[in-house]
Amino acid sequence: MDAYFSRVMGMGRYPDKTIKEVFCSNRPYFDQILYKNVRFRHEYAREFREWIEQLPVKEPAFLEMERIKVSIELLGDKKVRELFSKLVEVINFENPNLKLNKDLDYTVTLPQNFTVDIPSRQQQQINNFWKRLAIPEINESES
């Protein structure tokens, strides 16, 4: 996926930015282009299929974790920590009687590494965070 995200958009609002720059700076716009632009979606789907073919394991749980890892690599550890910290703030605001540690490390909450005891509602919010952060999964037939 590195080669794909290194490409220049060549269209839309940010024609001179790389796909990675758009993904990292304006995720809603990236998702919008991905789902509304047929050519962009087909290119992404092709790259996504090729990326999956290279993975050693193709089970859904493993693929989800790999999609999250790619997103973390694209965004960078610092940005992911900032986003996760904001999530913890929101969770603590919504659940004042069951606050999470504000210094909770995101790595212990990753789907395959969940090693902390967190109430189910908060755990669901964290799981949703990871699902939204992961690179999109596109299932299309051959283009």
C-alpha atoms as a PDB file:
ATOM      1  CA  MET A   1       0.000   0.000   0.000  1.00  0.00           C
ATOM      2  CA  ASP A   2       3.027   2.294   0.387  1.00  0.00           C
ATOM      3  CA  ALA A   3       3.343   2.835  -3.359  1.00  0.00           C
ATOM      4  CA  TYR A   4      -0.358   3.608  -3.654  1.00  0.00           C
ATOM      5  CA  PHE A   5      -0.358   6.184  -0.864  1.00  0.00           C
ATOM      6  CA  SER A   6       2.803   7.791  -2.295  1.00  0.00           C
ATOM      7  CA  ARG A   7       1.021   8.669  -5.546  1.00  0.00           C
ATOM      8  CA  VAL A   8      -0.170  12.194  -6.288  1.00  0.00           C
ATOM      9  CA  MET A   9      -3.969  12.608  -6.181  1.00  0.00           C
ATOM     10  CA  GLY A  10      -4.080  14.303  -9.593  1.00  0.00           C
ATOM     11  CA  MET A  11      -7.692  15.374  -9.112  1.00  0.00           C
ATOM     12  CA  GLY A  12     -10.214  16.964  -6.791  1.00  0.00           C
ATOM     13  CA  ARG A  13      -9.476  19.618  -4.194  1.00  0.00           C
ATOM     14  CA  TYR A  14      -5.878  18.524  -3.696  1.00  0.00           C
ATOM     15  CA  PRO A  15      -4.487  17.524  -7.098  1.00  0.00           C
ATOM     16  CA  ASP A  16      -0.866  18.196  -6.069  1.00  0.00           C
ATOM     17  CA  LYS A  17      -0.947  16.362  -2.735  1.00  0.00           C
ATOM     18  CA  THR A  18      -0.126  12.698  -2.326  1.00  0.00           C
ATOM     19  CA  ILE A  19      -2.900  10.292  -1.438  1.00  0.00           C
ATOM     20  CA  LYS A  20      -1.198   9.865   1.948  1.00  0.00           C
ATOM     21  CA  GLU A  21      -1.321  13.620   2.598  1.00  0.00           C
ATOM     22  CA  VAL A  22      -5.035  13.710   1.795  1.00  0.00           C
ATOM     23  CA  PHE A  23      -5.695  10.579   3.890  1.00  0.00           C
ATOM     24  CA  CYS A  24      -3.871  12.101   6.870  1.00  0.00           C
ATOM     25  CA  SER A  25      -5.103  15.680   6.637  1.00  0.00           C
ATOM     26  CA  ASN A  26      -8.697  15.274   5.450  1.00  0.00           C
ATOM     27  CA  ARG A  27      -9.973  11.740   6.020  1.00  0.00           C
ATOM     28  CA  PRO A  28     -13.643  12.607   5.345  1.00  0.00           C
ATOM     29  CA  TYR A  29     -12.654  13.969   1.922  1.00  0.00           C
ATOM     30  CA  PHE A  30     -10.518  10.881   1.206  1.00  0.00           C
ATOM     31  CA  ASP A  31     -13.473   8.637   2.067  1.00  0.00           C
ATOM     32  CA  GLN A  32     -15.819  10.757  -0.048  1.00  0.00           C
ATOM     33  CA  ILE A  33     -13.552  10.506  -3.106  1.00  0.00           C
ATOM     34  CA  LEU A  34     -13.068   6.795  -2.488  1.00  0.00           C
ATOM     35  CA  TYR A  35     -16.784   6.099  -2.550  1.00  0.00           C
ATOM     36  CA  LYS A  36     -17.898   8.615  -5.171  1.00  0.00           C
ATOM     37  CA  ASN A  37     -15.101   8.471  -7.756  1.00  0.00           C
ATOM     38  CA  VAL A  38     -15.231   5.210  -9.693  1.00  0.00           C
ATOM     39  CA  ARG A  39     -11.668   5.376 -11.054  1.00  0.00           C
ATOM     40  CA  PHE A  40     -10.183   6.227  -7.658  1.00  0.00           C
ATOM     41  CA  ARG A  41     -12.195   3.434  -6.002  1.00  0.00           C
ATOM     42  CA  HIS A  42     -11.122   0.861  -8.617  1.00  0.00           C
ATOM     43  CA  GLU A  43      -7.452   1.819  -8.238  1.00  0.00           C
ATOM     44  CA  TYR A  44      -7.705   1.590  -4.463  1.00  0.00           C
ATOM     45  CA  ALA A  45      -9.569  -1.735  -4.664  1.00  0.00           C
ATOM     46  CA  ARG A  46      -6.905  -3.175  -6.984  1.00  0.00           C
ATOM     47  CA  GLU A  47      -4.082  -2.057  -4.669  1.00  0.00           C
ATOM     48  CA  PHE A  48      -6.003  -3.313  -1.645  1.00  0.00           C
ATOM     49  CA  ARG A  49      -6.483  -6.764  -3.258  1.00  0.00           C
ATOM     50  CA  GLU A  50      -2.786  -6.965  -4.158  1.00  0.00           C
ATOM     51  CA  TRP A  51      -1.830  -5.942  -0.636  1.00  0.00           C
ATOM     52  CA  ILE A  52      -4.065  -8.663   0.848  1.00  0.00           C
ATOM     53  CA  GLU A  53      -2.565 -11.278  -1.487  1.00  0.00           C
ATOM     54  CA  GLN A  54       0.891 -10.504  -0.067  1.00  0.00           C
ATOM     55  CA  LEU A  55      -0.185 -10.955   3.557  1.00  0.00           C
ATOM     56  CA  PRO A  56       0.722 -14.272   5.197  1.00  0.00           C
ATOM     57  CA  VAL A  57      -2.689 -14.669   6.879  1.00  0.00           C
ATOM     58  CA  LYS A  58      -6.013 -13.650   5.389  1.00  0.00           C
ATOM     59  CA  GLU A  59      -8.379 -14.157   8.318  1.00  0.00           C
ATOM     60  CA  PRO A  60     -10.721 -11.201   9.023  1.00  0.00           C
ATOM     61  CA  ALA A  61      -9.302 -10.413  12.479  1.00  0.00           C
ATOM     62  CA  PHE A  62      -5.758 -10.406  11.111  1.00  0.00           C
ATOM     63  CA  LEU A  63      -6.775  -8.217   8.155  1.00  0.00           C
ATOM     64  CA  GLU A  64      -8.473  -5.729  10.474  1.00  0.00           C
ATOM     65  CA  MET A  65      -5.302  -5.422  12.535  1.00  0.00           C
ATOM     66  CA  GLU A  66      -3.163  -4.999   9.410  1.00  0.00           C
ATOM     67  CA  ARG A  67      -5.493  -2.256   8.118  1.00  0.00           C
ATOM     68  CA  ILE A  68      -5.094  -0.463  11.454  1.00  0.00           C
ATOM     69  CA  LYS A  69      -1.294  -0.853  11.330  1.00  0.00           C
ATOM     70  CA  VAL A  70      -1.137   0.686   7.854  1.00  0.00           C
ATOM     71  CA  SER A  71      -3.215   3.612   9.043  1.00  0.00           C
ATOM     72  CA  ILE A  72      -0.962   4.102  12.079  1.00  0.00           C
ATOM     73  CA  GLU A  73       2.084   4.088   9.784  1.00  0.00           C
ATOM     74  CA  LEU A  74       0.466   6.652   7.489  1.00  0.00           C
ATOM     75  CA  LEU A  75      -0.660   8.980  10.272  1.00  0.00           C
ATOM     76  CA  GLY A  76       2.393   8.518  12.451  1.00  0.00           C
ATOM     77  CA  ASP A  77       2.579   7.503  16.092  1.00  0.00           C
ATOM     78  CA  LYS A  78       2.345  11.085  17.382  1.00  0.00           C
ATOM     79  CA  LYS A  79      -0.899  11.833  15.511  1.00  0.00           C
ATOM     80  CA  VAL A  80      -2.473   8.531  16.592  1.00  0.00           C
ATOM     81  CA  ARG A  81      -1.550   9.271  20.219  1.00  0.00           C
ATOM     82  CA  GLU A  82      -3.150  12.732  19.911  1.00  0.00           C
ATOM     83  CA  LEU A  83      -6.343  11.283  18.437  1.00  0.00           C
ATOM     84  CA  PHE A  84      -6.477   8.522  21.048  1.00  0.00           C
ATOM     85  CA  SER A  85      -5.935  11.047  23.839  1.00  0.00           C
ATOM     86  CA  LYS A  86      -8.904  13.063  22.538  1.00  0.00           C
ATOM     87  CA  LEU A  87     -10.974   9.872  22.477  1.00  0.00           C
ATOM     88  CA  VAL A  88     -10.088   9.156  26.116  1.00  0.00           C
ATOM     89  CA  GLU A  89     -11.095  12.731  27.039  1.00  0.00           C
ATOM     90  CA  VAL A  90     -14.478  12.270  25.356  1.00  0.00           C
ATOM     91  CA  ILE A  91     -15.023   8.866  26.954  1.00  0.00           C
ATOM     92  CA  ASN A  92     -14.163  10.288  30.386  1.00  0.00           C
ATOM     93  CA  PHE A  93     -16.493  13.246  29.862  1.00  0.00           C
ATOM     94  CA  GLU A  94     -19.356  10.932  28.879  1.00  0.00           C
ATOM     95  CA  ASN A  95     -18.633   8.500  31.727  1.00  0.00           C
ATOM     96  CA  PRO A  96     -17.576  10.592  34.754  1.00  0.00           C
ATOM     97  CA  ASN A  97     -18.061   7.674  37.160  1.00  0.00           C
ATOM     98  CA  LEU A  98     -15.955   5.242  35.098  1.00  0.00           C
ATOM     99  CA  LYS A  99     -13.005   7.296  33.932  1.00  0.00           C
ATOM    100  CA  LEU A 100     -10.172   5.757  31.963  1.00  0.00           C
ATOM    101  CA  ASN A 101      -6.591   6.596  32.834  1.00  0.00           C
ATOM    102  CA  LYS A 102      -5.818   9.746  30.829  1.00  0.00           C
ATOM    103  CA  ASP A 103      -2.358   8.311  30.083  1.00  0.00           C
ATOM    104  CA  LEU A 104      -3.772   5.069  28.671  1.00  0.00           C
ATOM    105  CA  ASP A 105      -1.447   3.867  25.902  1.00  0.00           C
ATOM    106  CA  TYR A 106      -3.305   3.173  22.676  1.00  0.00           C
ATOM    107  CA  THR A 107      -1.195   0.092  21.963  1.00  0.00           C
ATOM    108  CA  VAL A 108      -2.841  -1.866  24.801  1.00  0.00           C
ATOM    109  CA  THR A 109      -6.266  -1.274  23.229  1.00  0.00           C
ATOM    110  CA  LEU A 110      -5.507  -2.492  19.715  1.00  0.00           C
ATOM    111  CA  PRO A 111      -7.902  -5.300  18.714  1.00  0.00           C
ATOM    112  CA  GLN A 112      -5.344  -8.122  19.037  1.00  0.00           C
ATOM    113  CA  ASN A 113      -3.552  -6.568  22.026  1.00  0.00           C
ATOM    114  CA  PHE A 114      -6.479  -5.575  24.242  1.00  0.00           C
ATOM    115  CA  THR A 115      -4.819  -6.155  27.628  1.00  0.00           C
ATOM    116  CA  VAL A 116      -6.677  -3.712  29.870  1.00  0.00           C
ATOM    117  CA  ASP A 117      -9.950  -4.185  31.698  1.00  0.00           C
ATOM    118  CA  ILE A 118     -12.352  -1.561  30.369  1.00  0.00           C
ATOM    119  CA  PRO A 119     -16.144  -1.453  30.798  1.00  0.00           C
ATOM    120  CA  SER A 120     -17.990  -2.664  27.708  1.00  0.00           C
ATOM    121  CA  ARG A 121     -19.453   0.697  26.619  1.00  0.00           C
ATOM    122  CA  GLN A 122     -16.042   2.336  26.684  1.00  0.00           C
ATOM    123  CA  GLN A 123     -14.461  -0.680  25.040  1.00  0.00           C
ATOM    124  CA  GLN A 124     -17.011  -0.411  22.225  1.00  0.00           C
ATOM    125  CA  GLN A 125     -16.096   3.262  21.724  1.00  0.00           C
ATOM    126  CA  ILE A 126     -12.432   2.291  21.503  1.00  0.00           C
ATOM    127  CA  ASN A 127     -13.227  -0.519  19.041  1.00  0.00           C
ATOM    128  CA  ASN A 128     -15.185   1.949  16.894  1.00  0.00           C
ATOM    129  CA  PHE A 129     -12.200   4.316  16.981  1.00  0.00           C
ATOM    130  CA  TRP A 130      -9.943   1.604  15.548  1.00  0.00           C
ATOM    131  CA  LYS A 131     -12.481   0.613  12.891  1.00  0.00           C
ATOM    132  CA  ARG A 132     -12.775   4.222  11.730  1.00  0.00           C
ATOM    133  CA  LEU A 133      -9.029   4.810  11.835  1.00  0.00           C
ATOM    134  CA  ALA A 134      -8.142   1.739   9.749  1.00  0.00           C
ATOM    135  CA  ILE A 135      -7.641   2.073   6.023  1.00  0.00           C
ATOM    136  CA  PRO A 136     -10.920   1.345   4.238  1.00  0.00           C
ATOM    137  CA  GLU A 137     -11.750  -2.178   3.169  1.00  0.00           C
ATOM    138  CA  ILE A 138     -13.000  -2.317  -0.410  1.00  0.00           C
ATOM    139  CA  ASN A 139     -14.411  -5.515  -1.853  1.00  0.00           C
ATOM    140  CA  GLU A 140     -14.860  -5.182  -5.597  1.00  0.00           C
ATOM    141  CA  SER A 141     -14.586  -7.649  -8.409  1.00  0.00           C
ATOM    142  CA  GLU A 142     -11.645  -7.333 -10.799  1.00  0.00           C
ATOM    143  CA  SER A 143     -11.591  -3.987 -12.614  1.00  0.00           C
END
